[in-house]
Amino acid sequence: MTRAPLPPPSLLSRTRALLASRGLRPNAARGQHFLVDPQVRDAIVATAGVGPGSLVVEIGPGTGVLTEALLQRGASVLAVELDRGLAAALGETLGRNPRLTVLSADALRFDFAAHLGAHPERGRIRVVANIPYYITSPLILRLLPCRQLFKALYLTVQREVAERITAGPGTKAYGALTLHCQYHAEVRPALAIPRVAFYPIPEVDSTLVGFDLLDAPRVSVESPARLFGVIRAAFGQRRKTLWNALRQAGWPPAALDAALGACGITGRRRGETLTLQEFARLSEALPESSAPSTERRERRTR
């Protein structure tokens, strides 16, 4: 009597076995939580619109669960992994596929333009990433301006961060990160992901957020640095009125009164009530003589 074939090992058991075989463990300091749910994996790939001929940059591929699914869809994958042990394991398990390139590098420092600037898919590349929570904001802010390289970003982030990214004016979650995203992209929550989809299980649920990068910024301003300096100043102390927050940031009272009056914005409002378009008008109305103090603050926060 022949025996029925054994079912394939689960992604969780595969992940544990891969880590154990190389003496690796999830690194809490690096926020390593590995995707182990096949339905969530397939939904991410489908949502990202990946198919034959696509070029995907995957940041933090970990044990390669998502990488393998991307390759099975016919995509080419540039996998950027900070953990050298995981990068080596990924190269050994999937490295025979000619459509996979694995680089051990820090995505916050990696020169994407140098590696992809001459690629024929330049401007149509997708970023797909289950990113560590602790680098979420700096990584998003680094990727958003790269429209010359990327068409879209699909990033798995903490649910609370997704709420901040997609928030509207007047809500508690609305802030500087929201406006950075609106400036560069059409943003939408694409997939709710329960915490049990990862190993080890994190303390929070996640959301896959889709960013369709705009061909040009949503608002046109003379100085984007000044625009975001104004935005940061307005949200620096959320309880302060707009007038007080900007005054503390260095603009003189007369200049503030004139700019706010020209824009039809009362200084008694708080920053969280202003739209991106209102911030753009205000930034343009503020005098050039006040811009340097704000721009110096921006450079110090980078």
C-alpha atoms as a PDB file:
ATOM      1  CA  MET A   1       0.000   0.000   0.000  1.00  0.00           C
ATOM      2  CA  THR A   2       1.395   3.347  -1.006  1.00  0.00           C
ATOM      3  CA  ARG A   3       1.360   6.180   1.457  1.00  0.00           C
ATOM      4  CA  ALA A   4      -0.144   9.535   0.680  1.00  0.00           C
ATOM      5  CA  PRO A   5       2.543  12.172   0.251  1.00  0.00           C
ATOM      6  CA  LEU A   6       3.253  14.255   3.319  1.00  0.00           C
ATOM      7  CA  PRO A   7       2.024  17.852   3.174  1.00  0.00           C
ATOM      8  CA  PRO A   8       4.754  20.428   2.611  1.00  0.00           C
ATOM      9  CA  PRO A   9       6.133  22.016   5.767  1.00  0.00           C
ATOM     10  CA  SER A  10       4.454  25.197   6.883  1.00  0.00           C
ATOM     11  CA  LEU A  11       6.195  28.514   6.371  1.00  0.00           C
ATOM     12  CA  LEU A  12       6.595  28.766  10.129  1.00  0.00           C
ATOM     13  CA  SER A  13       8.372  25.395  10.380  1.00  0.00           C
ATOM     14  CA  ARG A  14      10.476  26.252   7.327  1.00  0.00           C
ATOM     15  CA  THR A  15      11.482  29.556   8.866  1.00  0.00           C
ATOM     16  CA  ARG A  16      12.423  27.985  12.177  1.00  0.00           C
ATOM     17  CA  ALA A  17      14.410  25.250  10.446  1.00  0.00           C
ATOM     18  CA  LEU A  18      16.270  27.728   8.242  1.00  0.00           C
ATOM     19  CA  LEU A  19      17.260  29.876  11.215  1.00  0.00           C
ATOM     20  CA  ALA A  20      18.265  26.880  13.333  1.00  0.00           C
ATOM     21  CA  SER A  21      20.387  25.355  10.562  1.00  0.00           C
ATOM     22  CA  ARG A  22      22.516  28.504  10.447  1.00  0.00           C
ATOM     23  CA  GLY A  23      22.579  29.271  14.143  1.00  0.00           C
ATOM     24  CA  LEU A  24      20.430  32.386  13.666  1.00  0.00           C
ATOM     25  CA  ARG A  25      17.701  33.816  15.877  1.00  0.00           C
ATOM     26  CA  PRO A  26      15.277  36.703  15.358  1.00  0.00           C
ATOM     27  CA  ASN A  27      17.080  39.864  16.387  1.00  0.00           C
ATOM     28  CA  ALA A  28      14.790  42.011  18.527  1.00  0.00           C
ATOM     29  CA  ALA A  29      17.117  45.027  18.288  1.00  0.00           C
ATOM     30  CA  ARG A  30      16.656  44.990  14.510  1.00  0.00           C
ATOM     31  CA  GLY A  31      12.919  44.467  14.739  1.00  0.00           C
ATOM     32  CA  GLN A  32      13.020  41.111  12.965  1.00  0.00           C
ATOM     33  CA  HIS A  33       9.577  39.569  12.577  1.00  0.00           C
ATOM     34  CA  PHE A  34       9.440  37.130   9.668  1.00  0.00           C
ATOM     35  CA  LEU A  35       6.361  36.677   7.496  1.00  0.00           C
ATOM     36  CA  VAL A  36       5.034  33.095   7.827  1.00  0.00           C
ATOM     37  CA  ASP A  37       1.448  33.309   6.580  1.00  0.00           C
ATOM     38  CA  PRO A  38       1.082  32.088   2.967  1.00  0.00           C
ATOM     39  CA  GLN A  39      -2.243  33.857   2.411  1.00  0.00           C
ATOM     40  CA  VAL A  40      -0.837  37.186   3.551  1.00  0.00           C
ATOM     41  CA  ARG A  41       2.287  36.628   1.437  1.00  0.00           C
ATOM     42  CA  ASP A  42       0.210  35.943  -1.682  1.00  0.00           C
ATOM     43  CA  ALA A  43      -2.060  38.922  -0.990  1.00  0.00           C
ATOM     44  CA  ILE A  44       0.952  41.255  -0.716  1.00  0.00           C
ATOM     45  CA  VAL A  45       2.357  40.062  -4.041  1.00  0.00           C
ATOM     46  CA  ALA A  46      -1.026  40.363  -5.743  1.00  0.00           C
ATOM     47  CA  THR A  47      -1.655  43.839  -4.318  1.00  0.00           C
ATOM     48  CA  ALA A  48       1.743  45.027  -5.526  1.00  0.00           C
ATOM     49  CA  GLY A  49       0.799  44.067  -9.085  1.00  0.00           C
ATOM     50  CA  VAL A  50       3.975  42.077  -9.615  1.00  0.00           C
ATOM     51  CA  GLY A  51       4.267  39.940 -12.730  1.00  0.00           C
ATOM     52  CA  PRO A  52       6.723  38.673 -15.356  1.00  0.00           C
ATOM     53  CA  GLY A  53       9.235  41.370 -16.221  1.00  0.00           C
ATOM     54  CA  SER A  54       8.659  43.419 -13.069  1.00  0.00           C
ATOM     55  CA  LEU A  55      11.670  44.656 -11.154  1.00  0.00           C
ATOM     56  CA  VAL A  56      11.132  44.690  -7.391  1.00  0.00           C
ATOM     57  CA  VAL A  57      13.339  46.091  -4.673  1.00  0.00           C
ATOM     58  CA  GLU A  58      12.691  44.139  -1.501  1.00  0.00           C
ATOM     59  CA  ILE A  59      14.007  45.724   1.678  1.00  0.00           C
ATOM     60  CA  GLY A  60      14.572  43.381   4.589  1.00  0.00           C
ATOM     61  CA  PRO A  61      13.762  40.065   2.871  1.00  0.00           C
ATOM     62  CA  GLY A  62      14.644  38.112   6.007  1.00  0.00           C
ATOM     63  CA  THR A  63      14.202  34.394   5.386  1.00  0.00           C
ATOM     64  CA  GLY A  64      12.984  34.922   1.822  1.00  0.00           C
ATOM     65  CA  VAL A  65       9.313  33.936   2.120  1.00  0.00           C
ATOM     66  CA  LEU A  66       8.146  36.992   0.168  1.00  0.00           C
ATOM     67  CA  THR A  67      11.207  36.884  -2.092  1.00  0.00           C
ATOM     68  CA  GLU A  68      10.361  33.389  -3.256  1.00  0.00           C
ATOM     69  CA  ALA A  69       6.779  34.391  -4.074  1.00  0.00           C
ATOM     70  CA  LEU A  70       7.963  37.424  -6.053  1.00  0.00           C
ATOM     71  CA  LEU A  71      10.315  35.234  -8.075  1.00  0.00           C
ATOM     72  CA  GLN A  72       7.550  32.717  -8.713  1.00  0.00           C
ATOM     73  CA  ARG A  73       5.506  35.543 -10.234  1.00  0.00           C
ATOM     74  CA  GLY A  74       8.293  36.084 -12.766  1.00  0.00           C
ATOM     75  CA  ALA A  75       9.723  39.246 -11.226  1.00  0.00           C
ATOM     76  CA  SER A  76      13.376  40.133 -10.850  1.00  0.00           C
ATOM     77  CA  VAL A  77      14.269  41.002  -7.265  1.00  0.00           C
ATOM     78  CA  LEU A  78      16.987  43.164  -5.761  1.00  0.00           C
ATOM     79  CA  ALA A  79      16.975  42.136  -2.096  1.00  0.00           C
ATOM     80  CA  VAL A  80      18.641  44.525   0.352  1.00  0.00           C
ATOM     81  CA  GLU A  81      19.271  42.887   3.728  1.00  0.00           C
ATOM     82  CA  LEU A  82      21.191  44.441   6.612  1.00  0.00           C
ATOM     83  CA  ASP A  83      21.704  41.163   8.488  1.00  0.00           C
ATOM     84  CA  ARG A  84      24.708  39.443   6.920  1.00  0.00           C
ATOM     85  CA  GLY A  85      23.674  36.021   8.188  1.00  0.00           C
ATOM     86  CA  LEU A  86      20.244  36.308   6.624  1.00  0.00           C
ATOM     87  CA  ALA A  87      21.683  37.729   3.399  1.00  0.00           C
ATOM     88  CA  ALA A  88      24.032  34.735   3.144  1.00  0.00           C
ATOM     89  CA  ALA A  89      21.197  32.302   3.846  1.00  0.00           C
ATOM     90  CA  LEU A  90      19.019  33.929   1.195  1.00  0.00           C
ATOM     91  CA  GLY A  91      21.838  33.692  -1.322  1.00  0.00           C
ATOM     92  CA  GLU A  92      22.255  29.998  -0.574  1.00  0.00           C
ATOM     93  CA  THR A  93      18.567  29.054  -0.679  1.00  0.00           C
ATOM     94  CA  LEU A  94      17.396  31.162  -3.628  1.00  0.00           C
ATOM     95  CA  GLY A  95      20.624  32.452  -5.117  1.00  0.00           C
ATOM     96  CA  ARG A  96      20.609  30.057  -8.051  1.00  0.00           C
ATOM     97  CA  ASN A  97      17.746  32.008  -9.549  1.00  0.00           C
ATOM     98  CA  PRO A  98      19.327  34.414 -12.067  1.00  0.00           C
ATOM     99  CA  ARG A  99      16.574  36.960 -11.399  1.00  0.00           C
ATOM    100  CA  LEU A 100      17.643  37.423  -7.767  1.00  0.00           C
ATOM    101  CA  THR A 101      20.385  39.759  -6.548  1.00  0.00           C
ATOM    102  CA  VAL A 102      21.102  39.794  -2.815  1.00  0.00           C
ATOM    103  CA  LEU A 103      23.032  42.682  -1.289  1.00  0.00           C
ATOM    104  CA  SER A 104      23.996  42.959   2.360  1.00  0.00           C
ATOM    105  CA  ALA A 105      23.461  46.676   2.986  1.00  0.00           C
ATOM    106  CA  ASP A 106      21.652  49.220   5.139  1.00  0.00           C
ATOM    107  CA  ALA A 107      18.626  50.515   3.223  1.00  0.00           C
ATOM    108  CA  LEU A 108      18.917  53.854   5.032  1.00  0.00           C
ATOM    109  CA  ARG A 109      22.352  54.347   3.463  1.00  0.00           C
ATOM    110  CA  PHE A 110      22.130  52.292   0.284  1.00  0.00           C
ATOM    111  CA  ASP A 111      22.621  54.286  -2.937  1.00  0.00           C
ATOM    112  CA  PHE A 112      19.575  53.188  -4.921  1.00  0.00           C
ATOM    113  CA  ALA A 113      20.279  55.682  -7.709  1.00  0.00           C
ATOM    114  CA  ALA A 114      23.791  54.333  -8.278  1.00  0.00           C
ATOM    115  CA  HIS A 115      22.530  50.769  -8.578  1.00  0.00           C
ATOM    116  CA  LEU A 116      19.308  51.412 -10.488  1.00  0.00           C
ATOM    117  CA  GLY A 117      19.719  54.748 -12.246  1.00  0.00           C
ATOM    118  CA  ALA A 118      20.681  53.163 -15.582  1.00  0.00           C
ATOM    119  CA  HIS A 119      18.276  50.213 -15.387  1.00  0.00           C
ATOM    120  CA  PRO A 120      15.772  49.943 -18.268  1.00  0.00           C
ATOM    121  CA  GLU A 121      12.934  49.660 -15.709  1.00  0.00           C
ATOM    122  CA  ARG A 122      13.959  52.968 -14.128  1.00  0.00           C
ATOM    123  CA  GLY A 123      10.808  54.840 -13.132  1.00  0.00           C
ATOM    124  CA  ARG A 124       8.717  51.653 -13.096  1.00  0.00           C
ATOM    125  CA  ILE A 125      10.396  49.783 -10.255  1.00  0.00           C
ATOM    126  CA  ARG A 126       8.273  48.697  -7.287  1.00  0.00           C
ATOM    127  CA  VAL A 127       9.486  48.564  -3.703  1.00  0.00           C
ATOM    128  CA  VAL A 128       7.932  45.764  -1.650  1.00  0.00           C
ATOM    129  CA  ALA A 129       9.013  45.508   1.956  1.00  0.00           C
ATOM    130  CA  ASN A 130       8.088  44.163   5.349  1.00  0.00           C
ATOM    131  CA  ILE A 131      10.137  46.833   7.051  1.00  0.00           C
ATOM    132  CA  PRO A 132      11.315  46.846  10.671  1.00  0.00           C
ATOM    133  CA  TYR A 133       9.126  49.191  12.669  1.00  0.00           C
ATOM    134  CA  TYR A 134      12.045  51.190  14.062  1.00  0.00           C
ATOM    135  CA  ILE A 135      13.128  52.476  10.628  1.00  0.00           C
ATOM    136  CA  THR A 136       9.631  53.063   9.234  1.00  0.00           C
ATOM    137  CA  SER A 137       9.559  56.875   9.127  1.00  0.00           C
ATOM    138  CA  PRO A 138      13.151  57.505   7.988  1.00  0.00           C
ATOM    139  CA  LEU A 139      12.877  54.841   5.296  1.00  0.00           C
ATOM    140  CA  ILE A 140       9.583  56.223   3.956  1.00  0.00           C
ATOM    141  CA  LEU A 141      11.019  59.744   3.881  1.00  0.00           C
ATOM    142  CA  ARG A 142      14.053  58.435   2.006  1.00  0.00           C
ATOM    143  CA  LEU A 143      12.070  56.529  -0.618  1.00  0.00           C
ATOM    144  CA  LEU A 144       9.287  59.020  -1.321  1.00  0.00           C
ATOM    145  CA  PRO A 145      11.389  61.515  -3.343  1.00  0.00           C
ATOM    146  CA  CYS A 146      12.756  58.758  -5.627  1.00  0.00           C
ATOM    147  CA  ARG A 147      10.140  59.070  -8.382  1.00  0.00           C
ATOM    148  CA  GLN A 148      12.854  58.881 -11.032  1.00  0.00           C
ATOM    149  CA  LEU A 149      13.464  55.297  -9.869  1.00  0.00           C
ATOM    150  CA  PHE A 150      10.275  53.975  -8.317  1.00  0.00           C
ATOM    151  CA  LYS A 151       6.700  53.818  -9.531  1.00  0.00           C
ATOM    152  CA  ALA A 152       5.163  52.580  -6.297  1.00  0.00           C
ATOM    153  CA  LEU A 153       5.974  51.472  -2.764  1.00  0.00           C
ATOM    154  CA  TYR A 154       4.192  48.685  -0.900  1.00  0.00           C
ATOM    155  CA  LEU A 155       5.306  48.780   2.708  1.00  0.00           C
ATOM    156  CA  THR A 156       4.125  46.742   5.664  1.00  0.00           C
ATOM    157  CA  VAL A 157       4.058  49.077   8.646  1.00  0.00           C
ATOM    158  CA  GLN A 158       2.650  49.136  12.152  1.00  0.00           C
ATOM    159  CA  ARG A 159      -1.102  49.760  12.052  1.00  0.00           C
ATOM    160  CA  GLU A 160      -0.810  52.978  14.061  1.00  0.00           C
ATOM    161  CA  VAL A 161       1.771  54.312  11.585  1.00  0.00           C
ATOM    162  CA  ALA A 162      -0.548  53.456   8.694  1.00  0.00           C
ATOM    163  CA  GLU A 163      -3.239  55.515  10.416  1.00  0.00           C
ATOM    164  CA  ARG A 164      -0.825  58.455  10.646  1.00  0.00           C
ATOM    165  CA  ILE A 165       0.155  58.131   6.994  1.00  0.00           C
ATOM    166  CA  THR A 166      -3.437  58.122   5.750  1.00  0.00           C
ATOM    167  CA  ALA A 167      -4.978  60.544   8.283  1.00  0.00           C
ATOM    168  CA  GLY A 168      -7.023  63.612   7.421  1.00  0.00           C
ATOM    169  CA  PRO A 169      -6.806  67.159   8.823  1.00  0.00           C
ATOM    170  CA  GLY A 170      -8.269  67.657  12.269  1.00  0.00           C
ATOM    171  CA  THR A 171      -7.549  64.126  13.454  1.00  0.00           C
ATOM    172  CA  LYS A 172      -5.148  63.101  16.187  1.00  0.00           C
ATOM    173  CA  ALA A 173      -3.078  60.970  13.793  1.00  0.00           C
ATOM    174  CA  TYR A 174      -2.590  63.787  11.259  1.00  0.00           C
ATOM    175  CA  GLY A 175       0.913  65.228  11.266  1.00  0.00           C
ATOM    176  CA  ALA A 176       4.147  65.979   9.441  1.00  0.00           C
ATOM    177  CA  LEU A 177       4.531  62.394   8.195  1.00  0.00           C
ATOM    178  CA  THR A 178       1.032  62.535   6.701  1.00  0.00           C
ATOM    179  CA  LEU A 179       1.902  65.679   4.763  1.00  0.00           C
ATOM    180  CA  HIS A 180       5.241  64.342   3.524  1.00  0.00           C
ATOM    181  CA  CYS A 181       3.386  61.354   2.082  1.00  0.00           C
ATOM    182  CA  GLN A 182       0.633  63.499   0.529  1.00  0.00           C
ATOM    183  CA  TYR A 183       3.252  65.754  -1.054  1.00  0.00           C
ATOM    184  CA  HIS A 184       4.882  62.873  -2.928  1.00  0.00           C
ATOM    185  CA  ALA A 185       2.224  60.187  -3.418  1.00  0.00           C
ATOM    186  CA  GLU A 186      -1.314  58.896  -3.544  1.00  0.00           C
ATOM    187  CA  VAL A 187      -1.501  56.799  -0.399  1.00  0.00           C
ATOM    188  CA  ARG A 188      -3.959  54.101   0.604  1.00  0.00           C
ATOM    189  CA  PRO A 189      -4.213  51.317   3.194  1.00  0.00           C
ATOM    190  CA  ALA A 190      -4.149  48.177   1.055  1.00  0.00           C
ATOM    191  CA  LEU A 191      -4.233  45.171   3.387  1.00  0.00           C
ATOM    192  CA  ALA A 192      -4.834  44.595   7.098  1.00  0.00           C
ATOM    193  CA  ILE A 193      -2.312  42.082   8.462  1.00  0.00           C
ATOM    194  CA  PRO A 194      -2.806  40.401  11.844  1.00  0.00           C
ATOM    195  CA  ARG A 195       0.180  40.069  14.147  1.00  0.00           C
ATOM    196  CA  VAL A 196      -0.038  36.254  14.006  1.00  0.00           C
ATOM    197  CA  ALA A 197       1.161  36.402  10.376  1.00  0.00           C
ATOM    198  CA  PHE A 198       4.698  36.923  11.696  1.00  0.00           C
ATOM    199  CA  TYR A 199       7.276  34.974  13.666  1.00  0.00           C
ATOM    200  CA  PRO A 200       7.976  35.876  16.372  1.00  0.00           C
ATOM    201  CA  ILE A 201       4.559  37.437  16.895  1.00  0.00           C
ATOM    202  CA  PRO A 202       4.905  41.222  17.401  1.00  0.00           C
ATOM    203  CA  GLU A 203       2.850  43.167  19.912  1.00  0.00           C
ATOM    204  CA  VAL A 204       0.894  45.055  17.246  1.00  0.00           C
ATOM    205  CA  ASP A 205      -1.022  44.423  14.035  1.00  0.00           C
ATOM    206  CA  SER A 206       0.274  45.688  10.703  1.00  0.00           C
ATOM    207  CA  THR A 207      -1.049  47.254   7.514  1.00  0.00           C
ATOM    208  CA  LEU A 208       0.266  47.064   3.975  1.00  0.00           C
ATOM    209  CA  VAL A 209       0.253  50.642   2.675  1.00  0.00           C
ATOM    210  CA  GLY A 210       0.454  51.429  -1.026  1.00  0.00           C
ATOM    211  CA  PHE A 211       2.163  54.606  -2.247  1.00  0.00           C
ATOM    212  CA  ASP A 212       1.685  55.545  -5.916  1.00  0.00           C
ATOM    213  CA  LEU A 213       4.418  58.121  -6.445  1.00  0.00           C
ATOM    214  CA  LEU A 214       3.296  61.277  -8.204  1.00  0.00           C
ATOM    215  CA  ASP A 215       5.030  62.509 -11.352  1.00  0.00           C
ATOM    216  CA  ALA A 216       5.394  65.895  -9.650  1.00  0.00           C
ATOM    217  CA  PRO A 217       4.814  67.061  -6.060  1.00  0.00           C
ATOM    218  CA  ARG A 218       1.168  67.652  -5.196  1.00  0.00           C
ATOM    219  CA  VAL A 219       1.820  71.322  -4.496  1.00  0.00           C
ATOM    220  CA  SER A 220       4.319  73.618  -6.189  1.00  0.00           C
ATOM    221  CA  VAL A 221       6.390  75.800  -3.879  1.00  0.00           C
ATOM    222  CA  GLU A 222       9.551  77.815  -4.351  1.00  0.00           C
ATOM    223  CA  SER A 223      11.274  76.138  -1.401  1.00  0.00           C
ATOM    224  CA  PRO A 224      10.198  72.615  -0.351  1.00  0.00           C
ATOM    225  CA  ALA A 225      12.687  72.869   2.526  1.00  0.00           C
ATOM    226  CA  ARG A 226      10.850  75.929   3.843  1.00  0.00           C
ATOM    227  CA  LEU A 227       7.464  74.253   3.359  1.00  0.00           C
ATOM    228  CA  PHE A 228       8.453  71.312   5.527  1.00  0.00           C
ATOM    229  CA  GLY A 229      10.185  73.600   7.988  1.00  0.00           C
ATOM    230  CA  VAL A 230       6.855  75.390   8.445  1.00  0.00           C
ATOM    231  CA  ILE A 231       5.045  72.055   8.776  1.00  0.00           C
ATOM    232  CA  ARG A 232       7.470  70.755  11.384  1.00  0.00           C
ATOM    233  CA  ALA A 233       7.242  73.991  13.333  1.00  0.00           C
ATOM    234  CA  ALA A 234       3.437  73.843  13.277  1.00  0.00           C
ATOM    235  CA  PHE A 235       3.416  70.286  14.635  1.00  0.00           C
ATOM    236  CA  GLY A 236       6.366  70.700  16.986  1.00  0.00           C
ATOM    237  CA  GLN A 237       4.047  71.586  19.855  1.00  0.00           C
ATOM    238  CA  ARG A 238       0.567  70.507  18.880  1.00  0.00           C
ATOM    239  CA  ARG A 239      -1.165  72.391  21.685  1.00  0.00           C
ATOM    240  CA  LYS A 240       0.174  75.738  20.514  1.00  0.00           C
ATOM    241  CA  THR A 241      -1.736  77.871  18.058  1.00  0.00           C
ATOM    242  CA  LEU A 242      -0.251  78.201  14.605  1.00  0.00           C
ATOM    243  CA  TRP A 243       0.838  81.773  15.306  1.00  0.00           C
ATOM    244  CA  ASN A 244       2.650  80.838  18.524  1.00  0.00           C
ATOM    245  CA  ALA A 245       4.313  77.785  16.996  1.00  0.00           C
ATOM    246  CA  LEU A 246       5.662  79.742  14.041  1.00  0.00           C
ATOM    247  CA  ARG A 247       6.673  82.659  16.223  1.00  0.00           C
ATOM    248  CA  GLN A 248       8.719  80.286  18.379  1.00  0.00           C
ATOM    249  CA  ALA A 249      10.303  78.897  15.198  1.00  0.00           C
ATOM    250  CA  GLY A 250      11.735  82.317  14.429  1.00  0.00           C
ATOM    251  CA  TRP A 251       9.295  84.292  12.289  1.00  0.00           C
ATOM    252  CA  PRO A 252       8.708  87.846  13.566  1.00  0.00           C
ATOM    253  CA  PRO A 253       5.154  88.809  14.560  1.00  0.00           C
ATOM    254  CA  ALA A 254       4.676  91.367  11.767  1.00  0.00           C
ATOM    255  CA  ALA A 255       5.729  88.866   9.099  1.00  0.00           C
ATOM    256  CA  LEU A 256       3.414  86.221  10.540  1.00  0.00           C
ATOM    257  CA  ASP A 257       0.446  88.578  10.692  1.00  0.00           C
ATOM    258  CA  ALA A 258       1.000  89.657   7.085  1.00  0.00           C
ATOM    259  CA  ALA A 259       1.446  86.115   5.741  1.00  0.00           C
ATOM    260  CA  LEU A 260      -1.515  84.662   7.618  1.00  0.00           C
ATOM    261  CA  GLY A 261      -3.700  87.557   6.564  1.00  0.00           C
ATOM    262  CA  ALA A 262      -2.692  87.188   2.917  1.00  0.00           C
ATOM    263  CA  CYS A 263      -3.615  83.491   3.040  1.00  0.00           C
ATOM    264  CA  GLY A 264      -6.880  84.003   4.889  1.00  0.00           C
ATOM    265  CA  ILE A 265      -5.700  81.734   7.700  1.00  0.00           C
ATOM    266  CA  THR A 266      -6.299  82.729  11.296  1.00  0.00           C
ATOM    267  CA  GLY A 267      -3.299  82.318  13.570  1.00  0.00           C
ATOM    268  CA  ARG A 268      -5.591  80.879  16.251  1.00  0.00           C
ATOM    269  CA  ARG A 269      -5.875  77.633  14.304  1.00  0.00           C
ATOM    270  CA  ARG A 270      -3.622  74.717  15.139  1.00  0.00           C
ATOM    271  CA  GLY A 271      -1.345  73.064  12.611  1.00  0.00           C
ATOM    272  CA  GLU A 272      -3.323  69.843  12.623  1.00  0.00           C
ATOM    273  CA  THR A 273      -6.279  71.642  10.989  1.00  0.00           C
ATOM    274  CA  LEU A 274      -4.375  72.904   7.931  1.00  0.00           C
ATOM    275  CA  THR A 275      -4.343  71.068   4.612  1.00  0.00           C
ATOM    276  CA  LEU A 276      -1.187  70.615   2.559  1.00  0.00           C
ATOM    277  CA  GLN A 277      -2.443  73.295   0.179  1.00  0.00           C
ATOM    278  CA  GLU A 278      -2.877  75.762   3.052  1.00  0.00           C
ATOM    279  CA  PHE A 279       0.618  75.011   4.330  1.00  0.00           C
ATOM    280  CA  ALA A 280       1.952  75.581   0.806  1.00  0.00           C
ATOM    281  CA  ARG A 281       0.252  78.991   0.548  1.00  0.00           C
ATOM    282  CA  LEU A 282       1.523  79.993   3.958  1.00  0.00           C
ATOM    283  CA  SER A 283       5.063  78.885   3.142  1.00  0.00           C
ATOM    284  CA  GLU A 284       5.018  80.984  -0.021  1.00  0.00           C
ATOM    285  CA  ALA A 285       3.643  84.025   1.821  1.00  0.00           C
ATOM    286  CA  LEU A 286       6.270  84.046   4.545  1.00  0.00           C
ATOM    287  CA  PRO A 287       9.186  86.350   3.683  1.00  0.00           C
ATOM    288  CA  GLU A 288      12.509  85.030   2.447  1.00  0.00           C
ATOM    289  CA  SER A 289      14.280  86.782   5.278  1.00  0.00           C
ATOM    290  CA  SER A 290      12.664  84.379   7.728  1.00  0.00           C
ATOM    291  CA  ALA A 291      13.434  81.186   5.791  1.00  0.00           C
ATOM    292  CA  PRO A 292      17.049  80.549   6.848  1.00  0.00           C
ATOM    293  CA  SER A 293      16.270  79.945  10.533  1.00  0.00           C
ATOM    294  CA  THR A 294      13.669  77.355   9.553  1.00  0.00           C
ATOM    295  CA  GLU A 295      15.871  75.671   6.960  1.00  0.00           C
ATOM    296  CA  ARG A 296      18.749  75.413   9.431  1.00  0.00           C
ATOM    297  CA  ARG A 297      16.416  73.565  11.785  1.00  0.00           C
ATOM    298  CA  GLU A 298      15.496  71.191   8.948  1.00  0.00           C
ATOM    299  CA  ARG A 299      19.134  70.373   8.186  1.00  0.00           C
ATOM    300  CA  ARG A 300      19.830  69.627  11.846  1.00  0.00           C
ATOM    301  CA  THR A 301      16.954  67.114  11.988  1.00  0.00           C
ATOM    302  CA  ARG A 302      18.065  65.105   8.948  1.00  0.00           C
END
